Each structure stands twice: as C-alpha cells, then as structure tokens.
Full PDB file with SEQRES, HELIX, SHEET, SSBOND, CRYST1, ORIGX, SCALE, CONECT and MASTER records, all heavy atoms in Angstrom:
SEQRES   1 A   38  ALA SER MET ALA LEU LEU LEU GLY ALA CYS SER SER LYS          
SEQRES   2 A   38  GLU LYS GLU SER THR THR VAL ALA LEU ASP ASP VAL VAL          
SEQRES   3 A   38  ASN LYS ASN ASN PRO SER GLY ASP LEU ALA PRO LEU              
HELIX    1 AA1 SER A    2  GLY A    8  1                                   7    
HELIX    2 AA2 GLU A   16  THR A   19  5                                   4    
CRYST1    1.000    1.000    1.000  90.00  90.00  90.00 P 1           1          
ORIGX1      1.000000  0.000000  0.000000        0.00000                         
ORIGX2      0.000000  1.000000  0.000000        0.00000                         
ORIGX3      0.000000  0.000000  1.000000        0.00000                         
SCALE1      1.000000  0.000000  0.000000        0.00000                         
SCALE2      0.000000  1.000000  0.000000        0.00000                         
SCALE3      0.000000  0.000000  1.000000        0.00000                         
ATOM      1  N   ALA A   1       3.723 -19.464  25.514  1.00  0.00           N  
ATOM      2  CA  ALA A   1       4.791 -18.831  25.998  1.00  0.00           C  
ATOM      3  C   ALA A   1       5.823 -18.389  24.994  1.00  0.00           C  
ATOM      4  O   ALA A   1       6.393 -17.294  24.905  1.00  0.00           O  
ATOM      5  CB  ALA A   1       5.527 -19.528  27.150  1.00  0.00           C  
ATOM      6  N   SER A   2       6.147 -19.346  24.079  1.00  0.00           N  
ATOM      7  CA  SER A   2       6.977 -19.041  22.982  1.00  0.00           C  
ATOM      8  C   SER A   2       6.420 -17.851  22.057  1.00  0.00           C  
ATOM      9  O   SER A   2       7.147 -17.038  21.563  1.00  0.00           O  
ATOM     10  CB  SER A   2       7.121 -20.346  22.007  1.00  0.00           C  
ATOM     11  OG  SER A   2       7.638 -21.326  22.859  1.00  0.00           O  
ATOM     12  N   MET A   3       5.075 -17.905  21.819  1.00  0.00           N  
ATOM     13  CA  MET A   3       4.526 -16.897  21.050  1.00  0.00           C  
ATOM     14  C   MET A   3       4.629 -15.501  21.676  1.00  0.00           C  
ATOM     15  O   MET A   3       4.910 -14.509  20.988  1.00  0.00           O  
ATOM     16  CB  MET A   3       3.026 -17.257  20.798  1.00  0.00           C  
ATOM     17  CG  MET A   3       2.843 -18.371  19.837  1.00  0.00           C  
ATOM     18  SD  MET A   3       1.073 -18.681  19.820  1.00  0.00           S  
ATOM     19  CE  MET A   3       1.069 -20.045  18.603  1.00  0.00           C  
ATOM     20  N   ALA A   4       4.509 -15.521  22.973  1.00  0.00           N  
ATOM     21  CA  ALA A   4       4.540 -14.191  23.706  1.00  0.00           C  
ATOM     22  C   ALA A   4       5.966 -13.588  23.553  1.00  0.00           C  
ATOM     23  O   ALA A   4       6.112 -12.359  23.334  1.00  0.00           O  
ATOM     24  CB  ALA A   4       4.278 -14.347  25.124  1.00  0.00           C  
ATOM     25  N   LEU A   5       7.043 -14.456  23.642  1.00  0.00           N  
ATOM     26  CA  LEU A   5       8.345 -14.064  23.421  1.00  0.00           C  
ATOM     27  C   LEU A   5       8.566 -13.451  22.042  1.00  0.00           C  
ATOM     28  O   LEU A   5       9.201 -12.403  21.859  1.00  0.00           O  
ATOM     29  CB  LEU A   5       9.378 -15.152  23.737  1.00  0.00           C  
ATOM     30  CG  LEU A   5       9.428 -15.587  25.117  1.00  0.00           C  
ATOM     31  CD1 LEU A   5      10.255 -16.890  25.304  1.00  0.00           C  
ATOM     32  CD2 LEU A   5       9.987 -14.402  26.084  1.00  0.00           C  
ATOM     33  N   LEU A   6       8.052 -14.141  21.057  1.00  0.00           N  
ATOM     34  CA  LEU A   6       8.273 -13.683  19.698  1.00  0.00           C  
ATOM     35  C   LEU A   6       7.530 -12.443  19.395  1.00  0.00           C  
ATOM     36  O   LEU A   6       7.948 -11.592  18.660  1.00  0.00           O  
ATOM     37  CB  LEU A   6       7.828 -14.804  18.776  1.00  0.00           C  
ATOM     38  CG  LEU A   6       9.035 -15.877  18.507  1.00  0.00           C  
ATOM     39  CD1 LEU A   6       8.333 -17.082  17.794  1.00  0.00           C  
ATOM     40  CD2 LEU A   6      10.072 -15.317  17.696  1.00  0.00           C  
ATOM     41  N   LEU A   7       6.301 -12.355  19.918  1.00  0.00           N  
ATOM     42  CA  LEU A   7       5.557 -11.182  19.626  1.00  0.00           C  
ATOM     43  C   LEU A   7       6.042  -9.938  20.308  1.00  0.00           C  
ATOM     44  O   LEU A   7       5.851  -8.796  19.861  1.00  0.00           O  
ATOM     45  CB  LEU A   7       4.153 -11.437  20.199  1.00  0.00           C  
ATOM     46  CG  LEU A   7       3.253 -12.246  19.384  1.00  0.00           C  
ATOM     47  CD1 LEU A   7       1.969 -12.684  20.086  1.00  0.00           C  
ATOM     48  CD2 LEU A   7       2.912 -11.666  17.994  1.00  0.00           C  
ATOM     49  N   GLY A   8       6.842 -10.174  21.304  1.00  0.00           N  
ATOM     50  CA  GLY A   8       7.507  -9.004  21.972  1.00  0.00           C  
ATOM     51  C   GLY A   8       8.693  -8.345  21.187  1.00  0.00           C  
ATOM     52  O   GLY A   8       9.280  -7.299  21.497  1.00  0.00           O  
ATOM     53  N   ALA A   9       9.186  -9.178  20.219  1.00  0.00           N  
ATOM     54  CA  ALA A   9      10.316  -8.716  19.400  1.00  0.00           C  
ATOM     55  C   ALA A   9       9.797  -8.120  18.041  1.00  0.00           C  
ATOM     56  O   ALA A   9       8.769  -8.567  17.558  1.00  0.00           O  
ATOM     57  CB  ALA A   9      11.218  -9.958  19.120  1.00  0.00           C  
ATOM     58  N   CYS A  10      10.601  -7.374  17.425  1.00  0.00           N  
ATOM     59  CA  CYS A  10      10.238  -6.792  16.073  1.00  0.00           C  
ATOM     60  C   CYS A  10      10.748  -7.756  15.090  1.00  0.00           C  
ATOM     61  O   CYS A  10      11.854  -8.297  15.161  1.00  0.00           O  
ATOM     62  CB  CYS A  10      10.876  -5.367  15.894  1.00  0.00           C  
ATOM     63  SG  CYS A  10      10.241  -4.151  17.078  1.00  0.00           S  
ATOM     64  N   SER A  11       9.983  -7.848  14.034  1.00  0.00           N  
ATOM     65  CA  SER A  11      10.381  -8.778  12.849  1.00  0.00           C  
ATOM     66  C   SER A  11      11.630  -8.005  12.263  1.00  0.00           C  
ATOM     67  O   SER A  11      11.704  -6.831  12.128  1.00  0.00           O  
ATOM     68  CB  SER A  11       9.329  -8.835  11.861  1.00  0.00           C  
ATOM     69  OG  SER A  11       9.756  -9.496  10.773  1.00  0.00           O  
ATOM     70  N   SER A  12      12.584  -8.934  11.870  1.00  0.00           N  
ATOM     71  CA  SER A  12      13.792  -8.391  11.180  1.00  0.00           C  
ATOM     72  C   SER A  12      13.547  -8.202   9.679  1.00  0.00           C  
ATOM     73  O   SER A  12      14.376  -7.754   9.009  1.00  0.00           O  
ATOM     74  CB  SER A  12      14.869  -9.426  11.359  1.00  0.00           C  
ATOM     75  OG  SER A  12      14.533 -10.742  10.816  1.00  0.00           O  
ATOM     76  N   LYS A  13      12.446  -8.665   9.174  1.00  0.00           N  
ATOM     77  CA  LYS A  13      12.067  -8.602   7.719  1.00  0.00           C  
ATOM     78  C   LYS A  13      11.707  -7.170   7.387  1.00  0.00           C  
ATOM     79  O   LYS A  13      10.892  -6.531   8.121  1.00  0.00           O  
ATOM     80  CB  LYS A  13      10.961  -9.519   7.359  1.00  0.00           C  
ATOM     81  CG  LYS A  13      11.431 -10.930   7.427  1.00  0.00           C  
ATOM     82  CD  LYS A  13      10.209 -11.931   7.464  1.00  0.00           C  
ATOM     83  CE  LYS A  13       9.631 -11.934   6.165  1.00  0.00           C  
ATOM     84  NZ  LYS A  13       9.035 -11.593   5.206  1.00  0.00           N  
ATOM     85  N   GLU A  14      12.149  -6.663   6.324  1.00  0.00           N  
ATOM     86  CA  GLU A  14      11.719  -5.411   5.845  1.00  0.00           C  
ATOM     87  C   GLU A  14      11.311  -5.533   4.321  1.00  0.00           C  
ATOM     88  O   GLU A  14      11.988  -6.164   3.609  1.00  0.00           O  
ATOM     89  CB  GLU A  14      12.888  -4.404   5.816  1.00  0.00           C  
ATOM     90  CG  GLU A  14      13.396  -4.030   7.339  1.00  0.00           C  
ATOM     91  CD  GLU A  14      14.426  -2.954   7.268  1.00  0.00           C  
ATOM     92  OE1 GLU A  14      14.847  -2.567   6.232  1.00  0.00           O  
ATOM     93  OE2 GLU A  14      14.914  -2.713   8.333  1.00  0.00           O  
ATOM     94  N   LYS A  15      10.185  -5.007   3.956  1.00  0.00           N  
ATOM     95  CA  LYS A  15       9.673  -5.098   2.650  1.00  0.00           C  
ATOM     96  C   LYS A  15       9.465  -3.669   2.188  1.00  0.00           C  
ATOM     97  O   LYS A  15       8.542  -2.975   2.391  1.00  0.00           O  
ATOM     98  CB  LYS A  15       8.327  -5.846   2.618  1.00  0.00           C  
ATOM     99  CG  LYS A  15       8.486  -7.325   2.898  1.00  0.00           C  
ATOM    100  CD  LYS A  15       7.158  -7.950   2.716  1.00  0.00           C  
ATOM    101  CE  LYS A  15       7.305  -9.417   2.780  1.00  0.00           C  
ATOM    102  NZ  LYS A  15       7.742 -10.001   4.008  1.00  0.00           N  
ATOM    103  N   GLU A  16      10.550  -3.154   1.484  1.00  0.00           N  
ATOM    104  CA  GLU A  16      10.613  -1.806   1.014  1.00  0.00           C  
ATOM    105  C   GLU A  16       9.385  -1.403   0.122  1.00  0.00           C  
ATOM    106  O   GLU A  16       8.863  -0.333   0.127  1.00  0.00           O  
ATOM    107  CB  GLU A  16      11.903  -1.423   0.359  1.00  0.00           C  
ATOM    108  CG  GLU A  16      13.104  -1.587   1.326  1.00  0.00           C  
ATOM    109  CD  GLU A  16      14.410  -1.337   0.496  1.00  0.00           C  
ATOM    110  OE1 GLU A  16      14.365  -0.842  -0.656  1.00  0.00           O  
ATOM    111  OE2 GLU A  16      15.514  -1.590   1.094  1.00  0.00           O  
ATOM    112  N   SER A  17       8.995  -2.359  -0.701  1.00  0.00           N  
ATOM    113  CA  SER A  17       7.921  -2.158  -1.615  1.00  0.00           C  
ATOM    114  C   SER A  17       6.506  -1.927  -1.037  1.00  0.00           C  
ATOM    115  O   SER A  17       5.537  -1.537  -1.740  1.00  0.00           O  
ATOM    116  CB  SER A  17       7.905  -3.196  -2.677  1.00  0.00           C  
ATOM    117  OG  SER A  17       7.471  -4.430  -2.081  1.00  0.00           O  
ATOM    118  N   THR A  18       6.332  -2.233   0.248  1.00  0.00           N  
ATOM    119  CA  THR A  18       5.069  -2.201   0.846  1.00  0.00           C  
ATOM    120  C   THR A  18       4.435  -0.725   0.778  1.00  0.00           C  
ATOM    121  O   THR A  18       3.176  -0.660   1.002  1.00  0.00           O  
ATOM    122  CB  THR A  18       5.000  -2.862   2.210  1.00  0.00           C  
ATOM    123  OG1 THR A  18       5.842  -2.068   2.991  1.00  0.00           O  
ATOM    124  CG2 THR A  18       5.344  -4.267   2.211  1.00  0.00           C  
ATOM    125  N   THR A  19       5.284   0.205   0.700  1.00  0.00           N  
ATOM    126  CA  THR A  19       4.815   1.601   0.831  1.00  0.00           C  
ATOM    127  C   THR A  19       4.510   2.112  -0.603  1.00  0.00           C  
ATOM    128  O   THR A  19       4.043   3.180  -0.710  1.00  0.00           O  
ATOM    129  CB  THR A  19       5.840   2.454   1.539  1.00  0.00           C  
ATOM    130  OG1 THR A  19       7.106   2.480   0.692  1.00  0.00           O  
ATOM    131  CG2 THR A  19       6.151   1.991   2.926  1.00  0.00           C  
ATOM    132  N   VAL A  20       4.898   1.310  -1.643  1.00  0.00           N  
ATOM    133  CA  VAL A  20       4.664   1.804  -3.043  1.00  0.00           C  
ATOM    134  C   VAL A  20       3.190   1.596  -3.318  1.00  0.00           C  
ATOM    135  O   VAL A  20       2.586   0.630  -3.108  1.00  0.00           O  
ATOM    136  CB  VAL A  20       5.537   0.934  -3.982  1.00  0.00           C  
ATOM    137  CG1 VAL A  20       5.289   1.414  -5.497  1.00  0.00           C  
ATOM    138  CG2 VAL A  20       7.034   1.114  -3.573  1.00  0.00           C  
ATOM    139  N   ALA A  21       2.566   2.698  -3.855  1.00  0.00           N  
ATOM    140  CA  ALA A  21       1.209   2.624  -4.210  1.00  0.00           C  
ATOM    141  C   ALA A  21       1.051   1.966  -5.640  1.00  0.00           C  
ATOM    142  O   ALA A  21       1.543   2.428  -6.627  1.00  0.00           O  
ATOM    143  CB  ALA A  21       0.539   4.027  -4.213  1.00  0.00           C  
ATOM    144  N   LEU A  22       0.355   0.829  -5.661  1.00  0.00           N  
ATOM    145  CA  LEU A  22       0.220   0.174  -6.917  1.00  0.00           C  
ATOM    146  C   LEU A  22      -1.367  -0.083  -7.055  1.00  0.00           C  
ATOM    147  O   LEU A  22      -2.127  -0.332  -6.061  1.00  0.00           O  
ATOM    148  CB  LEU A  22       0.749  -1.234  -6.958  1.00  0.00           C  
ATOM    149  CG  LEU A  22       2.295  -1.361  -6.928  1.00  0.00           C  
ATOM    150  CD1 LEU A  22       2.718  -2.704  -6.837  1.00  0.00           C  
ATOM    151  CD2 LEU A  22       2.870  -0.691  -8.113  1.00  0.00           C  
ATOM    152  N   ASP A  23      -1.884   0.121  -8.312  1.00  0.00           N  
ATOM    153  CA  ASP A  23      -3.383  -0.216  -8.407  1.00  0.00           C  
ATOM    154  C   ASP A  23      -3.461  -1.585  -8.937  1.00  0.00           C  
ATOM    155  O   ASP A  23      -2.576  -2.421  -9.062  1.00  0.00           O  
ATOM    156  CB  ASP A  23      -3.948   0.819  -9.476  1.00  0.00           C  
ATOM    157  CG  ASP A  23      -3.219   0.774 -10.873  1.00  0.00           C  
ATOM    158  OD1 ASP A  23      -2.935  -0.426 -11.247  1.00  0.00           O  
ATOM    159  OD2 ASP A  23      -2.995   1.706 -11.484  1.00  0.00           O  
ATOM    160  N   ASP A  24      -4.787  -1.980  -8.995  1.00  0.00           N  
ATOM    161  CA  ASP A  24      -5.041  -3.365  -9.350  1.00  0.00           C  
ATOM    162  C   ASP A  24      -5.660  -3.464 -10.695  1.00  0.00           C  
ATOM    163  O   ASP A  24      -6.379  -4.391 -11.015  1.00  0.00           O  
ATOM    164  CB  ASP A  24      -6.083  -3.876  -8.292  1.00  0.00           C  
ATOM    165  CG  ASP A  24      -5.624  -3.857  -6.807  1.00  0.00           C  
ATOM    166  OD1 ASP A  24      -4.402  -4.037  -6.725  1.00  0.00           O  
ATOM    167  OD2 ASP A  24      -6.405  -3.706  -5.926  1.00  0.00           O  
ATOM    168  N   VAL A  25      -5.209  -2.592 -11.548  1.00  0.00           N  
ATOM    169  CA  VAL A  25      -5.590  -2.674 -12.994  1.00  0.00           C  
ATOM    170  C   VAL A  25      -4.967  -3.716 -13.753  1.00  0.00           C  
ATOM    171  O   VAL A  25      -3.712  -3.892 -13.693  1.00  0.00           O  
ATOM    172  CB  VAL A  25      -5.330  -1.303 -13.661  1.00  0.00           C  
ATOM    173  CG1 VAL A  25      -5.812  -1.321 -15.169  1.00  0.00           C  
ATOM    174  CG2 VAL A  25      -6.138  -0.099 -12.956  1.00  0.00           C  
ATOM    175  N   VAL A  26      -5.737  -4.595 -14.394  1.00  0.00           N  
ATOM    176  CA  VAL A  26      -5.175  -5.684 -15.102  1.00  0.00           C  
ATOM    177  C   VAL A  26      -4.722  -5.138 -16.545  1.00  0.00           C  
ATOM    178  O   VAL A  26      -5.492  -4.378 -17.230  1.00  0.00           O  
ATOM    179  CB  VAL A  26      -6.227  -6.776 -15.442  1.00  0.00           C  
ATOM    180  CG1 VAL A  26      -5.762  -7.787 -16.375  1.00  0.00           C  
ATOM    181  CG2 VAL A  26      -6.686  -7.376 -14.041  1.00  0.00           C  
ATOM    182  N   ASN A  27      -3.484  -5.513 -16.889  1.00  0.00           N  
ATOM    183  CA  ASN A  27      -2.849  -5.132 -18.155  1.00  0.00           C  
ATOM    184  C   ASN A  27      -2.210  -6.319 -18.759  1.00  0.00           C  
ATOM    185  O   ASN A  27      -1.199  -6.798 -18.094  1.00  0.00           O  
ATOM    186  CB  ASN A  27      -1.852  -3.917 -17.887  1.00  0.00           C  
ATOM    187  CG  ASN A  27      -1.375  -3.427 -19.220  1.00  0.00           C  
ATOM    188  OD1 ASN A  27      -1.252  -4.069 -20.299  1.00  0.00           O  
ATOM    189  ND2 ASN A  27      -1.111  -2.055 -19.317  1.00  0.00           N  
ATOM    190  N   LYS A  28      -2.577  -6.794 -19.936  1.00  0.00           N  
ATOM    191  CA  LYS A  28      -2.136  -8.025 -20.421  1.00  0.00           C  
ATOM    192  C   LYS A  28      -0.623  -7.811 -20.869  1.00  0.00           C  
ATOM    193  O   LYS A  28       0.019  -8.840 -21.070  1.00  0.00           O  
ATOM    194  CB  LYS A  28      -2.893  -8.426 -21.649  1.00  0.00           C  
ATOM    195  CG  LYS A  28      -2.888  -7.430 -22.864  1.00  0.00           C  
ATOM    196  CD  LYS A  28      -3.753  -7.965 -23.962  1.00  0.00           C  
ATOM    197  CE  LYS A  28      -3.662  -6.986 -25.110  1.00  0.00           C  
ATOM    198  NZ  LYS A  28      -4.536  -7.477 -26.283  1.00  0.00           N  
ATOM    199  N   ASN A  29      -0.101  -6.655 -20.923  1.00  0.00           N  
ATOM    200  CA  ASN A  29       1.310  -6.419 -21.299  1.00  0.00           C  
ATOM    201  C   ASN A  29       2.268  -6.546 -20.027  1.00  0.00           C  
ATOM    202  O   ASN A  29       3.469  -6.570 -20.263  1.00  0.00           O  
ATOM    203  CB  ASN A  29       1.474  -4.958 -21.831  1.00  0.00           C  
ATOM    204  CG  ASN A  29       0.808  -4.836 -23.226  1.00  0.00           C  
ATOM    205  OD1 ASN A  29       0.743  -5.707 -24.091  1.00  0.00           O  
ATOM    206  ND2 ASN A  29       0.042  -3.709 -23.402  1.00  0.00           N  
ATOM    207  N   ASN A  30       1.726  -6.697 -18.848  1.00  0.00           N  
ATOM    208  CA  ASN A  30       2.538  -6.891 -17.681  1.00  0.00           C  
ATOM    209  C   ASN A  30       3.060  -8.349 -17.773  1.00  0.00           C  
ATOM    210  O   ASN A  30       2.424  -9.246 -18.546  1.00  0.00           O  
ATOM    211  CB  ASN A  30       1.746  -6.823 -16.421  1.00  0.00           C  
ATOM    212  CG  ASN A  30       1.421  -5.396 -16.026  1.00  0.00           C  
ATOM    213  OD1 ASN A  30       2.192  -4.555 -16.384  1.00  0.00           O  
ATOM    214  ND2 ASN A  30       0.262  -5.044 -15.505  1.00  0.00           N  
ATOM    215  N   PRO A  31       4.256  -8.693 -17.188  1.00  0.00           N  
ATOM    216  CA  PRO A  31       4.811 -10.008 -17.295  1.00  0.00           C  
ATOM    217  C   PRO A  31       3.809 -11.064 -16.863  1.00  0.00           C  
ATOM    218  O   PRO A  31       3.925 -12.274 -17.368  1.00  0.00           O  
ATOM    219  CB  PRO A  31       6.084  -9.965 -16.404  1.00  0.00           C  
ATOM    220  CG  PRO A  31       6.396  -8.454 -16.344  1.00  0.00           C  
ATOM    221  CD  PRO A  31       5.095  -7.700 -16.462  1.00  0.00           C  
ATOM    222  N   SER A  32       3.031 -10.843 -15.967  1.00  0.00           N  
ATOM    223  CA  SER A  32       2.092 -11.765 -15.406  1.00  0.00           C  
ATOM    224  C   SER A  32       0.867 -11.864 -16.301  1.00  0.00           C  
ATOM    225  O   SER A  32       0.101 -12.858 -16.146  1.00  0.00           O  
ATOM    226  CB  SER A  32       1.563 -11.342 -13.960  1.00  0.00           C  
ATOM    227  OG  SER A  32       0.888 -10.121 -14.056  1.00  0.00           O  
ATOM    228  N   GLY A  33       0.659 -10.950 -17.200  1.00  0.00           N  
ATOM    229  CA  GLY A  33      -0.595 -10.900 -18.022  1.00  0.00           C  
ATOM    230  C   GLY A  33      -1.796 -10.217 -17.228  1.00  0.00           C  
ATOM    231  O   GLY A  33      -2.835 -10.188 -17.812  1.00  0.00           O  
ATOM    232  N   ASP A  34      -1.537  -9.750 -16.038  1.00  0.00           N  
ATOM    233  CA  ASP A  34      -2.590  -9.182 -15.257  1.00  0.00           C  
ATOM    234  C   ASP A  34      -1.932  -8.035 -14.443  1.00  0.00           C  
ATOM    235  O   ASP A  34      -1.945  -6.853 -14.876  1.00  0.00           O  
ATOM    236  CB  ASP A  34      -3.376 -10.225 -14.381  1.00  0.00           C  
ATOM    237  CG  ASP A  34      -2.440 -11.156 -13.625  1.00  0.00           C  
ATOM    238  OD1 ASP A  34      -1.737 -10.791 -12.750  1.00  0.00           O  
ATOM    239  OD2 ASP A  34      -2.503 -12.366 -14.009  1.00  0.00           O  
ATOM    240  N   LEU A  35      -1.672  -8.207 -13.218  1.00  0.00           N  
ATOM    241  CA  LEU A  35      -1.167  -7.152 -12.366  1.00  0.00           C  
ATOM    242  C   LEU A  35       0.273  -6.691 -12.614  1.00  0.00           C  
ATOM    243  O   LEU A  35       1.094  -7.578 -13.008  1.00  0.00           O  
ATOM    244  CB  LEU A  35      -1.292  -7.500 -10.931  1.00  0.00           C  
ATOM    245  CG  LEU A  35      -2.690  -7.736 -10.388  1.00  0.00           C  
ATOM    246  CD1 LEU A  35      -2.684  -8.183  -8.869  1.00  0.00           C  
ATOM    247  CD2 LEU A  35      -3.600  -6.547 -10.528  1.00  0.00           C  
ATOM    248  N   ALA A  36       0.592  -5.380 -12.358  1.00  0.00           N  
ATOM    249  CA  ALA A  36       1.990  -4.980 -12.548  1.00  0.00           C  
ATOM    250  C   ALA A  36       2.888  -5.601 -11.460  1.00  0.00           C  
ATOM    251  O   ALA A  36       2.398  -5.804 -10.399  1.00  0.00           O  
ATOM    252  CB  ALA A  36       1.970  -3.472 -12.425  1.00  0.00           C  
ATOM    253  N   PRO A  37       4.145  -5.827 -11.792  1.00  0.00           N  
ATOM    254  CA  PRO A  37       5.009  -6.331 -10.792  1.00  0.00           C  
ATOM    255  C   PRO A  37       5.241  -5.241  -9.732  1.00  0.00           C  
ATOM    256  O   PRO A  37       5.162  -4.092  -9.962  1.00  0.00           O  
ATOM    257  CB  PRO A  37       6.325  -6.657 -11.608  1.00  0.00           C  
ATOM    258  CG  PRO A  37       6.269  -5.715 -12.823  1.00  0.00           C  
ATOM    259  CD  PRO A  37       4.779  -5.628 -13.095  1.00  0.00           C  
ATOM    260  N   LEU A  38       5.778  -5.656  -8.549  1.00  0.00           N  
ATOM    261  CA  LEU A  38       6.215  -4.754  -7.572  1.00  0.00           C  
ATOM    262  C   LEU A  38       7.426  -4.014  -8.127  1.00  0.00           C  
ATOM    263  O   LEU A  38       8.308  -4.437  -8.841  1.00  0.00           O  
ATOM    264  CB  LEU A  38       6.510  -5.529  -6.309  1.00  0.00           C  
ATOM    265  CG  LEU A  38       5.375  -6.293  -5.640  1.00  0.00           C  
ATOM    266  CD1 LEU A  38       5.868  -7.349  -4.600  1.00  0.00           C  
ATOM    267  CD2 LEU A  38       4.373  -5.349  -5.048  1.00  0.00           C  
TER     268      LEU A  38                                                      
MASTER        0    0    0    2    0    0    0    6  267    1    0    3          
END                                                                             
C-alpha cells in the first residue's frame, strides 16, 4: 500500500545531465582515467 502511494507521485529529483549525450570512450586524460565526467 505504501508503494502504491509513492508510485502515484512524481519524484522530486531532477537530474539535468541525464539528457546530455556522452559516449563511453575511455580517455586516460579524464579525471577518472577512463570515462568523461558528467
């Protein structure tokens, strides 16, 4: 029942970067040493 109530509401979280197209090319010059940061 708790789940049903929560699923009926929209999440308040917004992730603006999710629409940004990033590739999965590994580049050792990135801060991570592999994938580019968001």
